[in-house]
N, C-alpha and C. Protein backbone atom coordinates (compact mmCIF):
# COMPACT_ATOMS: atom_id res chain seq x y z
N MET A 1 69.67 41.67 -57.79
CA MET A 1 70.40 41.16 -56.64
C MET A 1 71.49 42.16 -56.24
N GLU A 2 71.56 42.49 -54.97
CA GLU A 2 72.52 43.46 -54.48
C GLU A 2 73.74 42.75 -53.88
N ASN A 3 74.83 42.71 -54.65
CA ASN A 3 76.04 42.04 -54.19
C ASN A 3 76.64 42.73 -52.97
N ASN A 4 76.48 44.06 -52.91
CA ASN A 4 77.02 44.80 -51.76
C ASN A 4 76.38 44.33 -50.46
N THR A 5 75.11 44.00 -50.52
CA THR A 5 74.40 43.52 -49.33
C THR A 5 74.99 42.20 -48.85
N LEU A 6 75.30 41.32 -49.79
CA LEU A 6 75.88 40.02 -49.43
C LEU A 6 77.28 40.19 -48.85
N VAL A 7 78.05 41.13 -49.41
CA VAL A 7 79.39 41.39 -48.87
C VAL A 7 79.30 41.90 -47.44
N LEU A 8 78.37 42.81 -47.20
CA LEU A 8 78.18 43.34 -45.85
C LEU A 8 77.73 42.23 -44.90
N PHE A 9 76.89 41.32 -45.39
CA PHE A 9 76.43 40.20 -44.57
C PHE A 9 77.60 39.31 -44.18
N ILE A 10 78.46 39.01 -45.14
CA ILE A 10 79.62 38.14 -44.86
C ILE A 10 80.55 38.81 -43.85
N LEU A 11 80.81 40.10 -44.02
CA LEU A 11 81.67 40.83 -43.09
C LEU A 11 81.09 40.85 -41.69
N ALA A 12 79.78 41.08 -41.59
CA ALA A 12 79.12 41.09 -40.28
C ALA A 12 79.16 39.70 -39.65
N SER A 13 78.96 38.67 -40.47
CA SER A 13 78.96 37.29 -39.96
C SER A 13 80.33 36.88 -39.45
N VAL A 14 81.38 37.25 -40.20
CA VAL A 14 82.74 36.93 -39.78
C VAL A 14 83.07 37.61 -38.46
N SER A 15 82.65 38.87 -38.33
CA SER A 15 82.90 39.61 -37.09
C SER A 15 82.21 38.94 -35.91
N LEU A 16 80.98 38.50 -36.12
CA LEU A 16 80.23 37.84 -35.05
C LEU A 16 80.86 36.50 -34.68
N THR A 17 81.34 35.76 -35.68
CA THR A 17 81.92 34.45 -35.42
C THR A 17 83.26 34.57 -34.68
N PHE A 18 84.03 35.61 -35.03
CA PHE A 18 85.31 35.83 -34.36
C PHE A 18 85.15 36.30 -32.92
N PHE A 19 83.96 36.82 -32.60
CA PHE A 19 83.75 37.32 -31.24
C PHE A 19 84.00 36.18 -30.25
N PRO A 20 84.80 36.43 -29.20
CA PRO A 20 85.20 35.34 -28.29
C PRO A 20 84.08 34.83 -27.39
N GLY A 21 83.17 34.07 -27.99
CA GLY A 21 82.09 33.46 -27.22
C GLY A 21 82.45 32.06 -26.79
N PRO A 22 81.52 31.34 -26.16
CA PRO A 22 81.78 29.97 -25.68
C PRO A 22 82.22 29.01 -26.78
N ASP A 23 81.62 29.12 -27.98
CA ASP A 23 81.98 28.21 -29.08
C ASP A 23 83.45 28.39 -29.45
N MET A 24 83.87 29.64 -29.63
CA MET A 24 85.26 29.90 -30.00
C MET A 24 86.21 29.47 -28.88
N MET A 25 85.80 29.71 -27.63
CA MET A 25 86.62 29.31 -26.49
C MET A 25 86.87 27.80 -26.50
N TYR A 26 85.82 27.03 -26.81
CA TYR A 26 85.97 25.58 -26.79
C TYR A 26 86.83 25.10 -27.96
N VAL A 27 86.66 25.72 -29.12
CA VAL A 27 87.50 25.38 -30.27
C VAL A 27 88.97 25.63 -29.95
N ILE A 28 89.26 26.77 -29.34
CA ILE A 28 90.65 27.12 -29.01
C ILE A 28 91.21 26.17 -27.95
N ALA A 29 90.41 25.90 -26.90
CA ALA A 29 90.87 25.00 -25.84
C ALA A 29 91.14 23.60 -26.38
N THR A 30 90.27 23.12 -27.27
CA THR A 30 90.45 21.79 -27.86
C THR A 30 91.68 21.76 -28.76
N SER A 31 91.89 22.82 -29.54
CA SER A 31 93.05 22.89 -30.44
C SER A 31 94.36 22.90 -29.65
N ILE A 32 94.38 23.61 -28.53
CA ILE A 32 95.58 23.66 -27.70
C ILE A 32 95.84 22.29 -27.07
N ALA A 33 94.77 21.67 -26.59
CA ALA A 33 94.94 20.40 -25.88
C ALA A 33 95.23 19.23 -26.81
N GLN A 34 94.60 19.21 -28.00
CA GLN A 34 94.67 18.01 -28.84
C GLN A 34 95.07 18.27 -30.29
N GLY A 35 95.36 19.52 -30.64
CA GLY A 35 95.78 19.81 -32.01
C GLY A 35 94.64 20.32 -32.88
N TRP A 36 95.02 20.85 -34.05
CA TRP A 36 94.04 21.52 -34.90
C TRP A 36 93.02 20.54 -35.50
N LYS A 37 93.40 19.29 -35.70
CA LYS A 37 92.45 18.34 -36.29
C LYS A 37 91.26 18.11 -35.37
N LYS A 38 91.52 18.03 -34.06
CA LYS A 38 90.42 17.87 -33.11
C LYS A 38 89.62 19.16 -33.00
N GLY A 39 90.33 20.30 -33.09
CA GLY A 39 89.63 21.58 -33.11
C GLY A 39 88.73 21.69 -34.32
N PHE A 40 89.21 21.19 -35.46
CA PHE A 40 88.40 21.19 -36.69
C PHE A 40 87.19 20.29 -36.54
N GLU A 41 87.37 19.17 -35.85
CA GLU A 41 86.24 18.24 -35.63
C GLU A 41 85.14 18.92 -34.83
N VAL A 42 85.53 19.63 -33.78
CA VAL A 42 84.55 20.40 -33.00
C VAL A 42 83.89 21.46 -33.88
N SER A 43 84.71 22.13 -34.69
CA SER A 43 84.20 23.20 -35.55
C SER A 43 83.14 22.69 -36.51
N MET A 44 83.39 21.52 -37.10
CA MET A 44 82.41 20.97 -38.05
C MET A 44 81.11 20.61 -37.35
N GLY A 45 81.21 20.14 -36.11
CA GLY A 45 80.00 19.87 -35.35
C GLY A 45 79.22 21.15 -35.07
N LEU A 46 79.94 22.19 -34.66
CA LEU A 46 79.31 23.48 -34.40
C LEU A 46 78.62 24.02 -35.65
N CYS A 47 79.32 23.95 -36.77
CA CYS A 47 78.79 24.51 -38.01
C CYS A 47 77.64 23.67 -38.57
N SER A 48 77.67 22.37 -38.34
CA SER A 48 76.56 21.52 -38.78
C SER A 48 75.27 21.91 -38.06
N GLY A 49 75.42 22.33 -36.81
CA GLY A 49 74.24 22.81 -36.08
C GLY A 49 73.64 24.03 -36.74
N LEU A 50 74.48 24.86 -37.38
CA LEU A 50 73.98 26.06 -38.07
C LEU A 50 73.04 25.69 -39.22
N ILE A 51 73.30 24.55 -39.85
CA ILE A 51 72.43 24.10 -40.94
C ILE A 51 71.03 23.84 -40.42
N ILE A 52 70.96 23.20 -39.25
CA ILE A 52 69.65 22.92 -38.64
C ILE A 52 68.94 24.23 -38.30
N HIS A 53 69.67 25.17 -37.72
CA HIS A 53 69.06 26.46 -37.37
C HIS A 53 68.56 27.19 -38.62
N THR A 54 69.31 27.09 -39.71
CA THR A 54 68.88 27.72 -40.96
C THR A 54 67.58 27.10 -41.46
N LEU A 55 67.51 25.77 -41.39
CA LEU A 55 66.29 25.08 -41.83
C LEU A 55 65.10 25.44 -40.93
N VAL A 56 65.38 25.64 -39.63
CA VAL A 56 64.32 26.06 -38.72
C VAL A 56 63.74 27.40 -39.18
N VAL A 57 64.62 28.31 -39.56
CA VAL A 57 64.17 29.63 -40.02
C VAL A 57 63.43 29.51 -41.35
N VAL A 58 64.01 28.75 -42.29
CA VAL A 58 63.43 28.61 -43.62
C VAL A 58 62.04 27.96 -43.55
N LEU A 59 61.89 26.97 -42.68
CA LEU A 59 60.62 26.26 -42.58
C LEU A 59 59.61 26.97 -41.68
N GLY A 60 60.04 28.09 -41.11
CA GLY A 60 59.11 28.87 -40.30
C GLY A 60 58.91 28.35 -38.90
N LEU A 61 59.82 27.48 -38.43
CA LEU A 61 59.65 26.92 -37.09
C LEU A 61 60.10 27.89 -36.00
N GLY A 62 60.80 28.96 -36.40
CA GLY A 62 61.24 29.93 -35.42
C GLY A 62 60.07 30.55 -34.68
N SER A 63 58.96 30.75 -35.38
CA SER A 63 57.78 31.33 -34.73
C SER A 63 57.23 30.39 -33.67
N LEU A 64 57.41 29.07 -33.89
CA LEU A 64 56.96 28.09 -32.90
C LEU A 64 57.77 28.24 -31.62
N LEU A 65 59.08 28.45 -31.75
CA LEU A 65 59.92 28.65 -30.57
C LEU A 65 59.50 29.91 -29.81
N GLN A 66 59.08 30.92 -30.55
CA GLN A 66 58.64 32.16 -29.92
C GLN A 66 57.31 31.98 -29.21
N ARG A 67 56.42 31.17 -29.80
CA ARG A 67 55.09 30.96 -29.20
C ARG A 67 55.14 30.01 -28.02
N ILE A 68 56.09 29.06 -28.05
CA ILE A 68 56.17 28.06 -26.97
C ILE A 68 57.56 28.16 -26.33
N PRO A 69 57.76 29.14 -25.46
CA PRO A 69 59.10 29.32 -24.86
C PRO A 69 59.55 28.14 -24.02
N GLN A 70 58.59 27.31 -23.55
CA GLN A 70 58.96 26.13 -22.76
C GLN A 70 59.84 25.18 -23.57
N SER A 71 59.62 25.14 -24.89
CA SER A 71 60.44 24.26 -25.74
C SER A 71 61.89 24.73 -25.76
N ILE A 72 62.09 26.04 -25.67
CA ILE A 72 63.44 26.57 -25.64
C ILE A 72 64.16 26.11 -24.37
N ARG A 73 63.47 26.20 -23.24
CA ARG A 73 64.09 25.80 -21.97
C ARG A 73 64.42 24.32 -21.97
N PHE A 74 63.55 23.50 -22.55
CA PHE A 74 63.79 22.06 -22.58
C PHE A 74 65.07 21.76 -23.37
N ILE A 75 65.22 22.40 -24.54
CA ILE A 75 66.41 22.18 -25.36
C ILE A 75 67.65 22.65 -24.64
N GLU A 76 67.57 23.83 -23.99
CA GLU A 76 68.72 24.38 -23.28
C GLU A 76 69.13 23.48 -22.12
N LEU A 77 68.17 23.00 -21.36
CA LEU A 77 68.49 22.17 -20.20
C LEU A 77 69.06 20.81 -20.62
N PHE A 78 68.55 20.28 -21.72
CA PHE A 78 69.10 19.02 -22.24
C PHE A 78 70.58 19.21 -22.59
N GLY A 79 70.87 20.30 -23.30
CA GLY A 79 72.26 20.58 -23.66
C GLY A 79 73.13 20.80 -22.43
N ALA A 80 72.59 21.52 -21.44
CA ALA A 80 73.36 21.79 -20.21
C ALA A 80 73.73 20.48 -19.51
N CYS A 81 72.78 19.55 -19.43
CA CYS A 81 73.05 18.26 -18.78
C CYS A 81 74.13 17.49 -19.53
N TYR A 82 74.09 17.54 -20.85
CA TYR A 82 75.08 16.84 -21.66
C TYR A 82 76.48 17.43 -21.43
N PHE A 83 76.57 18.75 -21.38
CA PHE A 83 77.88 19.39 -21.19
C PHE A 83 78.41 19.20 -19.77
N LEU A 84 77.51 19.15 -18.79
CA LEU A 84 77.94 18.87 -17.42
C LEU A 84 78.52 17.46 -17.34
N PHE A 85 77.89 16.52 -18.04
CA PHE A 85 78.39 15.14 -18.07
C PHE A 85 79.77 15.08 -18.72
N LEU A 86 79.93 15.75 -19.89
CA LEU A 86 81.22 15.74 -20.58
C LEU A 86 82.29 16.42 -19.74
N GLY A 87 81.93 17.54 -19.11
CA GLY A 87 82.88 18.25 -18.28
C GLY A 87 83.35 17.40 -17.11
N PHE A 88 82.42 16.68 -16.50
CA PHE A 88 82.76 15.80 -15.39
C PHE A 88 83.72 14.70 -15.85
N GLN A 89 83.45 14.13 -17.03
CA GLN A 89 84.31 13.08 -17.57
C GLN A 89 85.72 13.61 -17.85
N LEU A 90 85.81 14.81 -18.42
CA LEU A 90 87.13 15.39 -18.71
C LEU A 90 87.90 15.67 -17.43
N TRP A 91 87.19 16.20 -16.42
CA TRP A 91 87.85 16.52 -15.15
C TRP A 91 88.34 15.24 -14.47
N LYS A 92 87.51 14.20 -14.52
CA LYS A 92 87.89 12.92 -13.93
C LYS A 92 89.09 12.32 -14.65
N ASN A 93 89.10 12.44 -15.99
CA ASN A 93 90.24 11.94 -16.76
C ASN A 93 91.52 12.69 -16.40
N ALA A 94 91.39 14.00 -16.19
CA ALA A 94 92.55 14.82 -15.84
C ALA A 94 93.12 14.40 -14.49
N LEU A 95 92.24 14.14 -13.53
CA LEU A 95 92.70 13.71 -12.21
C LEU A 95 93.37 12.34 -12.28
N ALA A 96 92.78 11.45 -13.08
CA ALA A 96 93.36 10.11 -13.23
C ALA A 96 94.72 10.20 -13.92
N LEU A 97 94.82 11.09 -14.90
CA LEU A 97 96.08 11.28 -15.60
C LEU A 97 97.15 11.81 -14.66
N LYS A 98 96.76 12.74 -13.80
CA LYS A 98 97.71 13.32 -12.85
C LYS A 98 98.31 12.25 -11.95
N GLU A 99 97.49 11.26 -11.61
CA GLU A 99 97.96 10.19 -10.74
C GLU A 99 98.83 9.18 -11.50
N SER A 100 98.42 8.86 -12.72
CA SER A 100 99.10 7.81 -13.47
C SER A 100 100.26 8.32 -14.32
N ARG A 101 100.22 9.64 -14.66
CA ARG A 101 101.24 10.26 -15.51
C ARG A 101 101.24 9.67 -16.91
N GLN A 102 100.12 9.12 -17.34
CA GLN A 102 100.03 8.58 -18.69
C GLN A 102 99.61 9.67 -19.65
N GLU A 103 99.65 9.34 -20.95
CA GLU A 103 99.27 10.32 -21.97
C GLU A 103 97.78 10.62 -21.84
N THR A 104 97.45 11.88 -21.96
CA THR A 104 96.06 12.30 -21.78
C THR A 104 95.17 11.89 -22.95
N LYS A 105 93.93 11.76 -22.66
CA LYS A 105 92.93 11.51 -23.68
C LYS A 105 91.86 12.58 -23.55
N GLY A 106 91.52 13.19 -24.66
CA GLY A 106 90.51 14.24 -24.63
C GLY A 106 89.12 13.64 -24.73
N ALA A 107 88.16 14.54 -24.88
CA ALA A 107 86.77 14.10 -25.00
C ALA A 107 86.59 13.36 -26.32
N LYS A 108 85.80 12.31 -26.28
CA LYS A 108 85.49 11.56 -27.49
C LYS A 108 84.24 12.15 -28.13
N GLY A 109 84.09 11.86 -29.42
CA GLY A 109 82.90 12.33 -30.11
C GLY A 109 82.84 13.85 -30.17
N LEU A 110 83.95 14.49 -30.57
CA LEU A 110 84.00 15.94 -30.57
C LEU A 110 83.05 16.56 -31.58
N PHE A 111 82.82 15.87 -32.70
CA PHE A 111 81.85 16.38 -33.68
C PHE A 111 80.46 16.46 -33.05
N ILE A 112 80.07 15.38 -32.36
CA ILE A 112 78.75 15.34 -31.71
C ILE A 112 78.67 16.40 -30.62
N THR A 113 79.79 16.58 -29.88
CA THR A 113 79.81 17.60 -28.84
C THR A 113 79.56 18.98 -29.43
N GLY A 114 80.27 19.30 -30.52
CA GLY A 114 80.08 20.59 -31.17
C GLY A 114 78.68 20.74 -31.73
N PHE A 115 78.15 19.67 -32.31
CA PHE A 115 76.81 19.70 -32.89
C PHE A 115 75.76 20.00 -31.83
N ILE A 116 75.82 19.27 -30.72
CA ILE A 116 74.86 19.48 -29.63
C ILE A 116 75.06 20.85 -28.99
N MET A 117 76.33 21.29 -28.90
CA MET A 117 76.63 22.60 -28.33
C MET A 117 75.89 23.70 -29.09
N ASN A 118 75.89 23.59 -30.42
CA ASN A 118 75.21 24.60 -31.23
C ASN A 118 73.70 24.39 -31.24
N LEU A 119 73.29 23.12 -31.36
CA LEU A 119 71.87 22.83 -31.49
C LEU A 119 71.11 23.11 -30.20
N SER A 120 71.78 22.99 -29.05
CA SER A 120 71.10 23.18 -27.77
C SER A 120 70.93 24.66 -27.43
N ASN A 121 71.30 25.51 -28.35
CA ASN A 121 71.08 26.95 -28.15
C ASN A 121 70.07 27.43 -29.19
N PRO A 122 68.76 27.26 -28.91
CA PRO A 122 67.74 27.66 -29.88
C PRO A 122 67.71 29.16 -30.14
N LYS A 123 68.42 29.92 -29.30
CA LYS A 123 68.48 31.36 -29.53
C LYS A 123 69.22 31.69 -30.82
N VAL A 124 70.00 30.71 -31.34
CA VAL A 124 70.66 30.92 -32.63
C VAL A 124 69.60 31.07 -33.72
N SER A 125 68.56 30.23 -33.66
CA SER A 125 67.46 30.34 -34.64
C SER A 125 66.78 31.69 -34.52
N LEU A 126 66.53 32.10 -33.28
CA LEU A 126 65.88 33.40 -33.06
C LEU A 126 66.79 34.54 -33.52
N PHE A 127 68.11 34.35 -33.33
CA PHE A 127 69.07 35.35 -33.80
C PHE A 127 69.01 35.45 -35.33
N PHE A 128 68.97 34.30 -36.00
CA PHE A 128 68.88 34.31 -37.45
C PHE A 128 67.62 35.03 -37.92
N ILE A 129 66.51 34.79 -37.21
CA ILE A 129 65.25 35.41 -37.59
C ILE A 129 65.35 36.93 -37.54
N SER A 130 66.09 37.44 -36.56
CA SER A 130 66.22 38.89 -36.43
C SER A 130 67.37 39.44 -37.28
N PHE A 131 68.36 38.60 -37.59
CA PHE A 131 69.56 39.04 -38.30
C PHE A 131 69.38 39.02 -39.82
N PHE A 132 68.82 37.95 -40.34
CA PHE A 132 68.72 37.76 -41.78
C PHE A 132 67.88 38.82 -42.50
N PRO A 133 66.71 39.23 -41.96
CA PRO A 133 65.88 40.20 -42.70
C PRO A 133 66.60 41.50 -43.04
N GLY A 134 67.60 41.87 -42.26
CA GLY A 134 68.34 43.10 -42.55
C GLY A 134 69.26 42.98 -43.75
N PHE A 135 69.39 41.76 -44.30
CA PHE A 135 70.32 41.53 -45.41
C PHE A 135 69.62 40.86 -46.60
N LEU A 136 68.31 41.09 -46.73
CA LEU A 136 67.61 40.58 -47.91
C LEU A 136 68.17 41.28 -49.14
N PHE A 137 68.47 40.52 -50.18
CA PHE A 137 69.27 41.06 -51.28
C PHE A 137 68.60 40.97 -52.65
N SER A 138 67.37 40.48 -52.73
CA SER A 138 66.74 40.31 -54.03
C SER A 138 65.24 40.61 -53.97
N ASP A 139 64.76 41.26 -55.02
CA ASP A 139 63.32 41.54 -55.15
C ASP A 139 62.61 40.42 -55.90
N HIS A 140 63.38 39.48 -56.41
CA HIS A 140 62.80 38.43 -57.27
C HIS A 140 62.76 37.06 -56.57
N MET A 141 63.55 36.89 -55.55
CA MET A 141 63.59 35.60 -54.86
C MET A 141 62.69 35.66 -53.63
N SER A 142 62.17 34.50 -53.24
CA SER A 142 61.33 34.44 -52.05
C SER A 142 62.19 34.61 -50.80
N TYR A 143 61.52 34.97 -49.70
CA TYR A 143 62.24 35.11 -48.43
C TYR A 143 62.91 33.80 -48.04
N LYS A 144 62.23 32.68 -48.25
CA LYS A 144 62.79 31.39 -47.87
C LYS A 144 64.08 31.10 -48.64
N GLN A 145 64.07 31.40 -49.94
CA GLN A 145 65.26 31.18 -50.75
C GLN A 145 66.42 32.06 -50.28
N GLN A 146 66.11 33.31 -49.98
CA GLN A 146 67.15 34.23 -49.52
C GLN A 146 67.67 33.82 -48.14
N PHE A 147 66.77 33.41 -47.25
CA PHE A 147 67.20 32.95 -45.92
C PHE A 147 68.11 31.72 -46.05
N LEU A 148 67.77 30.83 -46.99
CA LEU A 148 68.58 29.63 -47.18
C LEU A 148 69.98 30.00 -47.67
N ILE A 149 70.06 30.93 -48.61
CA ILE A 149 71.36 31.37 -49.12
C ILE A 149 72.18 32.05 -48.02
N LEU A 150 71.52 32.92 -47.24
CA LEU A 150 72.22 33.59 -46.15
C LEU A 150 72.71 32.58 -45.11
N GLY A 151 71.89 31.58 -44.84
CA GLY A 151 72.28 30.55 -43.88
C GLY A 151 73.49 29.76 -44.36
N MET A 152 73.52 29.44 -45.66
CA MET A 152 74.67 28.70 -46.20
C MET A 152 75.93 29.56 -46.19
N LEU A 153 75.78 30.86 -46.48
CA LEU A 153 76.93 31.76 -46.41
C LEU A 153 77.47 31.85 -44.98
N PHE A 154 76.55 31.91 -44.03
CA PHE A 154 76.96 31.96 -42.62
C PHE A 154 77.70 30.68 -42.25
N PHE A 155 77.21 29.54 -42.74
CA PHE A 155 77.85 28.25 -42.48
C PHE A 155 79.27 28.23 -43.05
N VAL A 156 79.43 28.66 -44.29
CA VAL A 156 80.74 28.62 -44.95
C VAL A 156 81.75 29.50 -44.22
N GLN A 157 81.34 30.73 -43.88
CA GLN A 157 82.28 31.60 -43.20
C GLN A 157 82.61 31.09 -41.80
N ALA A 158 81.65 30.44 -41.15
CA ALA A 158 81.91 29.90 -39.81
C ALA A 158 82.93 28.77 -39.87
N VAL A 159 82.80 27.88 -40.88
CA VAL A 159 83.78 26.81 -41.07
C VAL A 159 85.16 27.42 -41.29
N PHE A 160 85.23 28.45 -42.13
CA PHE A 160 86.50 29.11 -42.43
C PHE A 160 87.11 29.73 -41.18
N VAL A 161 86.32 30.48 -40.42
CA VAL A 161 86.83 31.18 -39.24
C VAL A 161 87.30 30.19 -38.18
N PHE A 162 86.48 29.17 -37.89
CA PHE A 162 86.86 28.19 -36.87
C PHE A 162 88.11 27.40 -37.29
N THR A 163 88.18 27.04 -38.57
CA THR A 163 89.33 26.28 -39.06
C THR A 163 90.62 27.11 -38.97
N ILE A 164 90.54 28.37 -39.41
CA ILE A 164 91.70 29.25 -39.32
C ILE A 164 92.13 29.42 -37.86
N SER A 165 91.16 29.58 -36.98
CA SER A 165 91.47 29.75 -35.56
C SER A 165 92.19 28.52 -35.02
N SER A 166 91.71 27.31 -35.39
CA SER A 166 92.35 26.07 -34.95
C SER A 166 93.78 25.97 -35.46
N LEU A 167 93.99 26.31 -36.73
CA LEU A 167 95.32 26.23 -37.33
C LEU A 167 96.28 27.23 -36.69
N VAL A 168 95.81 28.45 -36.46
CA VAL A 168 96.67 29.49 -35.86
C VAL A 168 97.06 29.10 -34.45
N VAL A 169 96.08 28.64 -33.67
CA VAL A 169 96.37 28.24 -32.29
C VAL A 169 97.35 27.07 -32.27
N ASP A 170 97.15 26.10 -33.16
CA ASP A 170 98.04 24.94 -33.21
C ASP A 170 99.45 25.35 -33.64
N ARG A 171 99.55 26.29 -34.61
CA ARG A 171 100.85 26.75 -35.08
C ARG A 171 101.60 27.49 -33.97
N LEU A 172 100.89 28.34 -33.25
CA LEU A 172 101.53 29.06 -32.14
C LEU A 172 101.97 28.08 -31.06
N ARG A 173 101.14 27.08 -30.85
CA ARG A 173 101.44 26.06 -29.84
C ARG A 173 102.76 25.35 -30.18
N LYS A 174 102.97 25.07 -31.45
CA LYS A 174 104.19 24.37 -31.87
C LYS A 174 105.38 25.33 -31.98
N LYS A 175 105.11 26.55 -32.48
CA LYS A 175 106.18 27.49 -32.74
C LYS A 175 106.90 27.93 -31.47
N ILE A 176 106.11 28.29 -30.45
CA ILE A 176 106.74 28.75 -29.22
C ILE A 176 107.08 27.60 -28.29
N ARG A 177 106.66 26.38 -28.71
CA ARG A 177 107.01 25.16 -27.97
C ARG A 177 106.72 25.30 -26.47
N VAL A 178 105.52 25.75 -26.20
CA VAL A 178 105.11 25.85 -24.80
C VAL A 178 104.96 24.44 -24.25
N ALA A 179 105.46 24.24 -23.05
CA ALA A 179 105.30 22.94 -22.40
C ALA A 179 103.85 22.83 -21.95
N ILE A 180 103.02 22.32 -22.84
CA ILE A 180 101.59 22.28 -22.58
C ILE A 180 101.27 21.19 -21.57
N ASN A 181 100.68 21.59 -20.51
CA ASN A 181 100.27 20.66 -19.48
C ASN A 181 98.92 20.07 -19.87
N GLN A 182 98.93 18.82 -20.34
CA GLN A 182 97.71 18.21 -20.83
C GLN A 182 96.66 18.09 -19.73
N VAL A 183 97.11 17.87 -18.52
CA VAL A 183 96.16 17.80 -17.41
C VAL A 183 95.44 19.13 -17.26
N LEU A 184 96.22 20.21 -17.34
CA LEU A 184 95.64 21.55 -17.21
C LEU A 184 94.62 21.81 -18.30
N TRP A 185 94.96 21.46 -19.55
CA TRP A 185 94.05 21.77 -20.65
C TRP A 185 92.83 20.88 -20.67
N ASN A 186 92.93 19.67 -20.14
CA ASN A 186 91.72 18.87 -19.95
C ASN A 186 90.79 19.58 -18.98
N LYS A 187 91.38 20.16 -17.93
CA LYS A 187 90.58 20.89 -16.95
C LYS A 187 89.99 22.16 -17.57
N VAL A 188 90.78 22.83 -18.43
CA VAL A 188 90.26 24.03 -19.10
C VAL A 188 89.06 23.68 -19.97
N GLN A 189 89.16 22.57 -20.74
CA GLN A 189 88.04 22.13 -21.55
C GLN A 189 86.82 21.84 -20.68
N ALA A 190 87.06 21.19 -19.55
CA ALA A 190 85.96 20.87 -18.64
C ALA A 190 85.30 22.14 -18.12
N LEU A 191 86.11 23.15 -17.78
CA LEU A 191 85.58 24.41 -17.26
C LEU A 191 84.81 25.18 -18.33
N VAL A 192 85.29 25.11 -19.58
CA VAL A 192 84.56 25.77 -20.67
C VAL A 192 83.19 25.12 -20.85
N LEU A 193 83.14 23.79 -20.80
CA LEU A 193 81.86 23.09 -20.91
C LEU A 193 80.94 23.45 -19.75
N LEU A 194 81.51 23.57 -18.55
CA LEU A 194 80.72 23.98 -17.38
C LEU A 194 80.17 25.39 -17.59
N PHE A 195 81.01 26.28 -18.13
CA PHE A 195 80.59 27.65 -18.40
C PHE A 195 79.43 27.67 -19.39
N ILE A 196 79.53 26.88 -20.46
CA ILE A 196 78.46 26.81 -21.45
C ILE A 196 77.18 26.27 -20.82
N ALA A 197 77.32 25.24 -19.98
CA ALA A 197 76.16 24.67 -19.30
C ALA A 197 75.47 25.71 -18.43
N LEU A 198 76.25 26.52 -17.71
CA LEU A 198 75.69 27.56 -16.85
C LEU A 198 74.97 28.62 -17.67
N ILE A 199 75.51 28.95 -18.84
CA ILE A 199 74.86 29.92 -19.73
C ILE A 199 73.49 29.40 -20.15
N LEU A 200 73.44 28.09 -20.44
CA LEU A 200 72.17 27.49 -20.88
C LEU A 200 71.17 27.40 -19.73
N ILE A 201 71.68 27.12 -18.51
CA ILE A 201 70.78 26.99 -17.37
C ILE A 201 70.29 28.35 -16.90
N TYR A 202 71.19 29.34 -16.91
CA TYR A 202 70.84 30.69 -16.46
C TYR A 202 71.02 31.67 -17.62
N PRO A 203 70.08 31.65 -18.60
CA PRO A 203 70.23 32.49 -19.80
C PRO A 203 70.12 33.98 -19.45
């Protein structure tokens, strides 16, 4: 077993997770609007989706996605519709809040939102299929076993990165005592969801 290979895999995975993509944007927006606990809830949903993608790779279902591209579009469009619905609800809540001046309420079911956000991007499975083989670390273990270990390592580092990001954003939010406009951040969350939906509709 080559430990150096696993270290390189973890470093590469952390770098990819830190990259400011839609998932990280939504975690940050949620943490600013509702605090690190809600950001962590989204993070756990996102990372739980990674477990499913890992199982897809381990069970060999990734080749099915490659052979039947229509299934990819169906999953993407389903996710896009869900995010458009959530974005509309957040925007409507923000407008209602602006009129009533009451305390804002964020999106409900943030774990499910994060889970569907990750699961509705089948390209993650295809990414794993192309990413994992470059980090095979044992001549004695089967590919499936190694893919499962790599998937779990990716999951653990993703939980760590997203959680740290939520905590840092929340700490900065409190430390500099920015007068956070909850209406604005509800709208930001809605726009991030719209952006993710557009990515899924127009890959």
